[in-house]
Amino acid sequence: MVIEMNVNYDYYRMFYYVAKYGSITKAADFLLYNQPNVTRTIKLLEKELGCVLFDRTNRGVTLTKQGEKLYEHIKIAVSHIELAEKEIGNEKEMESGIVSIGTTDIALRCYLLPILNKFHTQYPNIKINISNYTTRQSINALQNGLVDFSVVTTPIEKINGLKFTCMKTLNEVAVCGNNFKKLHTGKHSLKELAEYPIIMMDKTTTSYELYKNIFTQNRIDFSPTIETATADQIIPMVKNNLGVGFVAEELLNENSKDVFKINVLEALPQRTISVVEKTNSNKSFAVERFFEIIFE
């Protein structure tokens, strides 16, 4: 015998959440329905099925034996439906999502570029916004919600509400061009190098602050002759014999012909590249996929 029923999915969905929470009130709050509407729907469902699904108590509701049998089947159906809805939503987001990143020039060139390449290959429809900042500017952009996360170079102080994850260590080197042949061989002190024109990133950067501290600790006057806005400007200037520069060794490549490392007596600092995120942020699906590639 086939029983014709007028029950629709919403009836079962309400039943599922009432059973899940053990409360009509909590289920109504979750579903954004009013409580009388949920109560009426459960009664209609019980009438259609010809059985009592819940025992009412002062503390809420509990499933009857018939209710438990129904719940075991319904929870599977609801979970499949919700999973399908989530997957469809995620697919839509992956077709139109955006990942916004604040990064320093050094972090971009020495770490982030191959990750961007891999992410773009896997998710070609996701738009990537790259904002080139100093470390401080990148952190400020993150705090103000202008970027989803930042990739920066140290030194940087820890900040409450932000999580710093060290991803790579960089070695700093001193470099010069052909016109400073004396510096190509042997070892040279920072005091000796200070007698030459110094090329350095500008006063707003952590690089400037880092080297100012190193020179000051060694009681050497720190007065750069040329200050640049980005790290990638230093090597071309060194190559054209405008002075001595300090750069991350990873920036030296096939385009650095006629740029030579200087052996420095004092130990130059190691720097790190860190991924910075808000500790309490809810990541979009696109950002979560980006983080999977970063931390794989």
Protein backbone atom coordinates (compact mmCIF):
# COMPACT_ATOMS: atom_id res chain seq x y z
CA MET A 1 0.00 0.00 0.00
CA VAL A 2 1.35 3.43 -0.95
CA ILE A 3 0.56 6.35 1.34
CA GLU A 4 0.34 9.73 -0.40
CA MET A 5 1.92 12.50 1.65
CA ASN A 6 2.11 16.27 1.29
CA VAL A 7 5.33 16.61 3.31
CA ASN A 8 8.04 18.78 1.73
CA TYR A 9 11.74 19.16 2.46
CA ASP A 10 11.24 22.11 4.84
CA TYR A 11 9.22 19.89 7.17
CA TYR A 12 12.07 17.40 7.43
CA ARG A 13 14.65 20.16 7.72
CA MET A 14 12.82 21.66 10.68
CA PHE A 15 12.45 18.21 12.21
CA TYR A 16 16.20 17.61 11.79
CA TYR A 17 17.23 20.80 13.60
CA VAL A 18 14.69 20.40 16.40
CA ALA A 19 16.09 16.89 16.96
CA LYS A 20 19.68 18.10 16.65
CA TYR A 21 19.30 20.89 19.21
CA GLY A 22 16.69 19.18 21.39
CA SER A 23 14.81 22.45 21.42
CA ILE A 24 12.18 24.07 19.23
CA THR A 25 13.38 27.51 20.32
CA LYS A 26 17.02 26.85 19.36
CA ALA A 27 16.00 25.31 16.05
CA ALA A 28 13.82 28.33 15.29
CA ASP A 29 16.69 30.70 16.09
CA PHE A 30 19.07 28.78 13.82
CA LEU A 31 16.57 28.60 10.95
CA LEU A 32 15.49 32.23 11.42
CA TYR A 33 11.87 31.15 11.83
CA ASN A 34 9.48 32.09 14.60
CA GLN A 35 8.86 29.41 17.22
CA PRO A 36 5.09 28.96 16.60
CA ASN A 37 5.81 28.27 12.92
CA VAL A 38 8.30 25.52 13.80
CA THR A 39 5.91 24.02 16.37
CA ARG A 40 3.06 24.02 13.83
CA THR A 41 5.28 22.37 11.19
CA ILE A 42 6.34 19.58 13.56
CA LYS A 43 2.69 18.89 14.41
CA LEU A 44 1.80 18.78 10.70
CA LEU A 45 4.66 16.35 10.08
CA GLU A 46 3.52 14.13 12.94
CA LYS A 47 -0.04 14.21 11.55
CA GLU A 48 1.15 13.27 8.06
CA LEU A 49 3.34 10.42 9.39
CA GLY A 50 0.70 9.25 11.83
CA CYS A 51 3.03 9.10 14.83
CA VAL A 52 4.51 11.20 17.62
CA LEU A 53 8.10 12.23 16.88
CA PHE A 54 8.98 14.14 20.05
CA ASP A 55 8.27 13.91 23.74
CA ARG A 56 7.85 17.42 25.16
CA THR A 57 9.56 18.21 28.48
CA ASN A 58 10.28 21.34 30.51
CA ARG A 59 13.87 21.22 29.23
CA GLY A 60 12.97 20.89 25.56
CA VAL A 61 12.12 17.89 23.42
CA THR A 62 13.45 14.34 23.05
CA LEU A 63 12.95 11.91 20.20
CA THR A 64 10.49 9.06 20.50
CA LYS A 65 11.45 5.67 19.08
CA GLN A 66 9.71 6.57 15.82
CA GLY A 67 11.45 9.94 15.87
CA GLU A 68 14.84 8.29 16.33
CA LYS A 69 14.27 6.05 13.31
CA LEU A 70 13.28 9.02 11.17
CA TYR A 71 16.20 11.11 12.42
CA GLU A 72 18.77 8.44 11.44
CA HIS A 73 17.57 8.66 7.84
CA ILE A 74 16.94 12.41 7.70
CA LYS A 75 20.35 13.41 9.11
CA ILE A 76 22.05 11.57 6.24
CA ALA A 77 19.87 13.32 3.67
CA VAL A 78 20.31 16.77 5.24
CA SER A 79 24.09 16.37 5.51
CA HIS A 80 24.29 15.41 1.82
CA ILE A 81 22.12 18.35 0.81
CA GLU A 82 24.13 20.82 2.91
CA LEU A 83 27.40 19.42 1.57
CA ALA A 84 26.13 19.85 -1.99
CA GLU A 85 25.05 23.43 -1.24
CA LYS A 86 28.46 24.17 0.25
CA GLU A 87 30.31 22.67 -2.70
CA ILE A 88 28.21 24.67 -5.16
CA GLY A 89 28.80 27.83 -3.14
CA ASN A 90 32.52 27.14 -3.02
CA GLU A 91 32.64 26.56 -6.76
CA LYS A 92 30.91 29.87 -7.33
CA GLU A 93 33.37 31.60 -5.01
CA MET A 94 36.31 30.00 -6.79
CA GLU A 95 34.99 31.48 -10.02
CA SER A 96 34.73 34.98 -8.63
CA GLY A 97 36.74 35.09 -5.40
CA ILE A 98 39.50 37.54 -4.57
CA VAL A 99 42.67 37.13 -2.51
CA SER A 100 44.20 40.42 -1.33
CA ILE A 101 47.81 40.32 -0.14
CA GLY A 102 50.02 43.02 1.33
CA THR A 103 53.70 42.28 0.84
CA THR A 104 57.14 43.82 0.88
CA ASP A 105 59.24 43.86 -2.26
CA ILE A 106 61.79 41.46 -0.76
CA ALA A 107 59.13 39.01 0.44
CA LEU A 108 57.47 39.08 -2.97
CA ARG A 109 60.64 38.36 -4.94
CA CYS A 110 62.35 35.99 -2.52
CA TYR A 111 59.37 33.92 -1.43
CA LEU A 112 55.90 34.73 -2.71
CA LEU A 113 56.25 34.62 -6.52
CA PRO A 114 56.37 30.80 -6.95
CA ILE A 115 53.43 30.42 -4.54
CA LEU A 116 51.42 32.92 -6.58
CA ASN A 117 52.30 30.94 -9.70
CA LYS A 118 51.11 27.67 -8.18
CA PHE A 119 47.89 29.17 -6.84
CA HIS A 120 47.08 30.84 -10.16
CA THR A 121 47.70 27.57 -12.00
CA GLN A 122 45.30 25.68 -9.73
CA TYR A 123 42.68 28.44 -9.46
CA PRO A 124 42.96 30.57 -12.62
CA ASN A 125 39.62 32.31 -12.09
CA ILE A 126 40.52 33.76 -8.71
CA LYS A 127 41.57 37.39 -8.79
CA ILE A 128 44.74 38.19 -6.85
CA ASN A 129 45.35 41.73 -5.58
CA ILE A 130 48.97 42.42 -4.62
CA SER A 131 49.75 45.61 -2.72
CA ASN A 132 53.45 46.44 -2.44
CA TYR A 133 54.13 48.04 0.94
CA THR A 134 56.85 48.47 3.48
CA THR A 135 56.57 46.04 6.39
CA ARG A 136 54.84 48.60 8.62
CA GLN A 137 52.46 49.66 5.86
CA SER A 138 51.60 46.04 5.14
CA ILE A 139 50.82 45.38 8.81
CA ASN A 140 48.67 48.53 8.98
CA ALA A 141 46.79 47.45 5.86
CA LEU A 142 46.06 44.09 7.47
CA GLN A 143 44.85 45.67 10.71
CA ASN A 144 42.60 48.05 8.78
CA GLY A 145 41.06 45.24 6.71
CA LEU A 146 42.56 46.36 3.40
CA VAL A 147 44.22 42.97 2.78
CA ASP A 148 43.40 39.38 3.75
CA PHE A 149 46.93 38.72 5.04
CA SER A 150 50.46 40.04 4.72
CA VAL A 151 53.84 38.59 3.81
CA VAL A 152 56.59 40.74 5.32
CA THR A 153 60.28 40.83 6.17
CA THR A 154 61.70 41.27 9.64
CA PRO A 155 62.56 43.06 11.81
CA ILE A 156 59.06 43.59 13.12
CA GLU A 157 57.70 43.57 16.65
CA LYS A 158 54.97 41.10 17.58
CA ILE A 159 51.54 42.71 17.72
CA ASN A 160 48.53 41.56 19.74
CA GLY A 161 45.79 40.13 17.56
CA LEU A 162 48.16 39.10 14.80
CA LYS A 163 49.74 35.71 14.18
CA PHE A 164 53.25 35.65 12.70
CA THR A 165 54.49 32.47 10.97
CA CYS A 166 58.13 32.42 9.87
CA MET A 167 58.42 30.89 6.40
CA LYS A 168 61.97 31.57 5.20
CA THR A 169 65.33 32.89 6.40
CA LEU A 170 67.31 35.36 4.28
CA ASN A 171 71.03 36.10 4.36
CA GLU A 172 72.10 39.70 3.88
CA VAL A 173 75.18 40.55 1.79
CA ALA A 174 77.09 43.69 0.85
CA VAL A 175 77.58 44.24 -2.90
CA CYS A 176 79.45 46.60 -5.20
CA GLY A 177 80.14 47.17 -8.90
CA ASN A 178 83.21 47.11 -11.13
CA ASN A 179 84.43 50.58 -10.16
CA PHE A 180 85.04 49.43 -6.59
CA LYS A 181 87.50 46.66 -7.47
CA LYS A 182 89.36 47.06 -4.20
CA LEU A 183 86.33 45.65 -2.41
CA HIS A 184 86.10 42.54 -4.59
CA THR A 185 88.81 40.72 -2.67
CA GLY A 186 89.75 40.31 0.98
CA LYS A 187 87.60 41.24 3.94
CA HIS A 188 86.38 44.71 4.73
CA SER A 189 84.92 46.27 7.86
CA LEU A 190 81.68 48.23 8.00
CA LYS A 191 83.76 51.25 8.96
CA GLU A 192 85.69 50.91 5.71
CA LEU A 193 82.51 50.48 3.69
CA ALA A 194 81.04 53.59 5.31
CA GLU A 195 83.71 55.59 3.49
CA TYR A 196 82.02 54.72 0.19
CA PRO A 197 78.61 55.93 -1.04
CA ILE A 198 75.96 53.76 0.63
CA ILE A 199 72.79 52.78 -1.22
CA MET A 200 69.96 51.91 1.13
CA MET A 201 66.17 51.68 1.21
CA ASP A 202 64.52 54.80 2.56
CA LYS A 203 63.87 55.81 6.16
CA THR A 204 60.32 54.41 6.21
CA THR A 205 61.55 50.82 5.81
CA THR A 206 62.64 48.22 8.33
CA SER A 207 65.77 47.68 6.20
CA TYR A 208 66.92 51.22 6.91
CA GLU A 209 66.24 50.81 10.63
CA LEU A 210 68.05 47.46 10.69
CA TYR A 211 71.25 48.80 9.19
CA LYS A 212 71.13 52.03 11.12
CA ASN A 213 71.14 49.96 14.32
CA ILE A 214 74.02 47.78 13.10
CA PHE A 215 76.17 50.76 12.17
CA THR A 216 75.31 52.56 15.41
CA GLN A 217 76.19 49.49 17.50
CA ASN A 218 79.59 49.48 15.82
CA ARG A 219 79.95 53.23 16.45
CA ILE A 220 79.91 54.05 12.77
CA ASP A 221 78.09 57.02 11.26
CA PHE A 222 75.18 55.84 9.11
CA SER A 223 74.54 58.33 6.29
CA PRO A 224 73.30 56.67 3.08
CA THR A 225 74.10 58.65 -0.05
CA ILE A 226 71.17 57.23 -2.00
CA GLU A 227 67.84 56.05 -0.60
CA THR A 228 65.49 53.94 -2.73
CA ALA A 229 61.80 53.12 -2.44
CA THR A 230 62.16 49.38 -3.17
CA ALA A 231 64.83 46.70 -2.78
CA ASP A 232 64.91 45.85 -6.48
CA GLN A 233 66.31 49.32 -7.24
CA ILE A 234 69.48 48.71 -5.24
CA ILE A 235 71.16 46.14 -7.51
CA PRO A 236 70.83 48.22 -10.75
CA MET A 237 72.33 51.20 -8.91
CA VAL A 238 75.19 49.06 -7.60
CA LYS A 239 75.70 47.65 -11.08
CA ASN A 240 76.03 51.20 -12.37
CA ASN A 241 78.67 51.96 -9.73
CA LEU A 242 76.65 54.41 -7.67
CA GLY A 243 77.87 52.91 -4.40
CA VAL A 244 77.85 49.95 -2.02
CA GLY A 245 74.53 48.26 -1.33
CA PHE A 246 73.13 45.78 1.19
CA VAL A 247 70.62 43.26 -0.12
CA ALA A 248 69.18 39.82 0.53
CA GLU A 249 71.49 37.30 -1.16
CA GLU A 250 68.45 35.70 -2.82
CA LEU A 251 68.01 38.86 -4.91
CA LEU A 252 71.27 38.16 -6.74
CA ASN A 253 70.55 36.28 -9.97
CA GLU A 254 71.44 36.17 -13.66
CA ASN A 255 70.57 39.87 -13.90
CA SER A 256 73.23 40.65 -11.31
CA LYS A 257 76.20 40.38 -13.70
CA ASP A 258 78.97 42.82 -12.74
CA VAL A 259 77.61 42.92 -9.18
CA PHE A 260 80.02 41.42 -6.65
CA LYS A 261 79.63 40.29 -3.07
CA ILE A 262 81.87 41.92 -0.47
CA ASN A 263 83.25 39.85 2.38
CA VAL A 264 82.39 41.83 5.50
CA LEU A 265 84.29 41.35 8.77
CA GLU A 266 81.24 41.90 10.93
CA ALA A 267 78.34 39.47 10.81
CA LEU A 268 75.50 40.83 8.72
CA PRO A 269 71.98 40.09 9.98
CA GLN A 270 69.75 37.24 8.96
CA ARG A 271 66.21 38.27 8.16
CA THR A 272 63.05 36.24 7.98
CA ILE A 273 59.96 36.32 5.81
CA SER A 274 56.75 35.85 7.78
CA VAL A 275 53.11 35.35 6.90
CA VAL A 276 50.94 37.56 9.09
CA GLU A 277 47.22 37.03 9.66
CA LYS A 278 44.59 38.15 12.12
CA THR A 279 44.12 35.60 14.88
CA ASN A 280 40.33 35.94 14.90
CA SER A 281 39.62 36.35 11.19
CA ASN A 282 37.21 34.23 9.16
CA LYS A 283 38.99 33.34 5.94
CA SER A 284 37.13 33.18 2.65
CA PHE A 285 37.20 29.92 0.74
CA ALA A 286 39.73 31.41 -1.70
CA VAL A 287 42.06 32.54 1.08
CA GLU A 288 41.82 29.12 2.75
CA ARG A 289 42.93 27.48 -0.50
CA PHE A 290 45.83 29.95 -0.73
CA PHE A 291 46.90 29.08 2.81
CA GLU A 292 46.80 25.39 1.96
CA ILE A 293 49.42 26.03 -0.71
CA ILE A 294 51.51 28.22 1.61
CA PHE A 295 51.56 25.68 4.42
CA GLU A 296 51.59 22.42 2.46
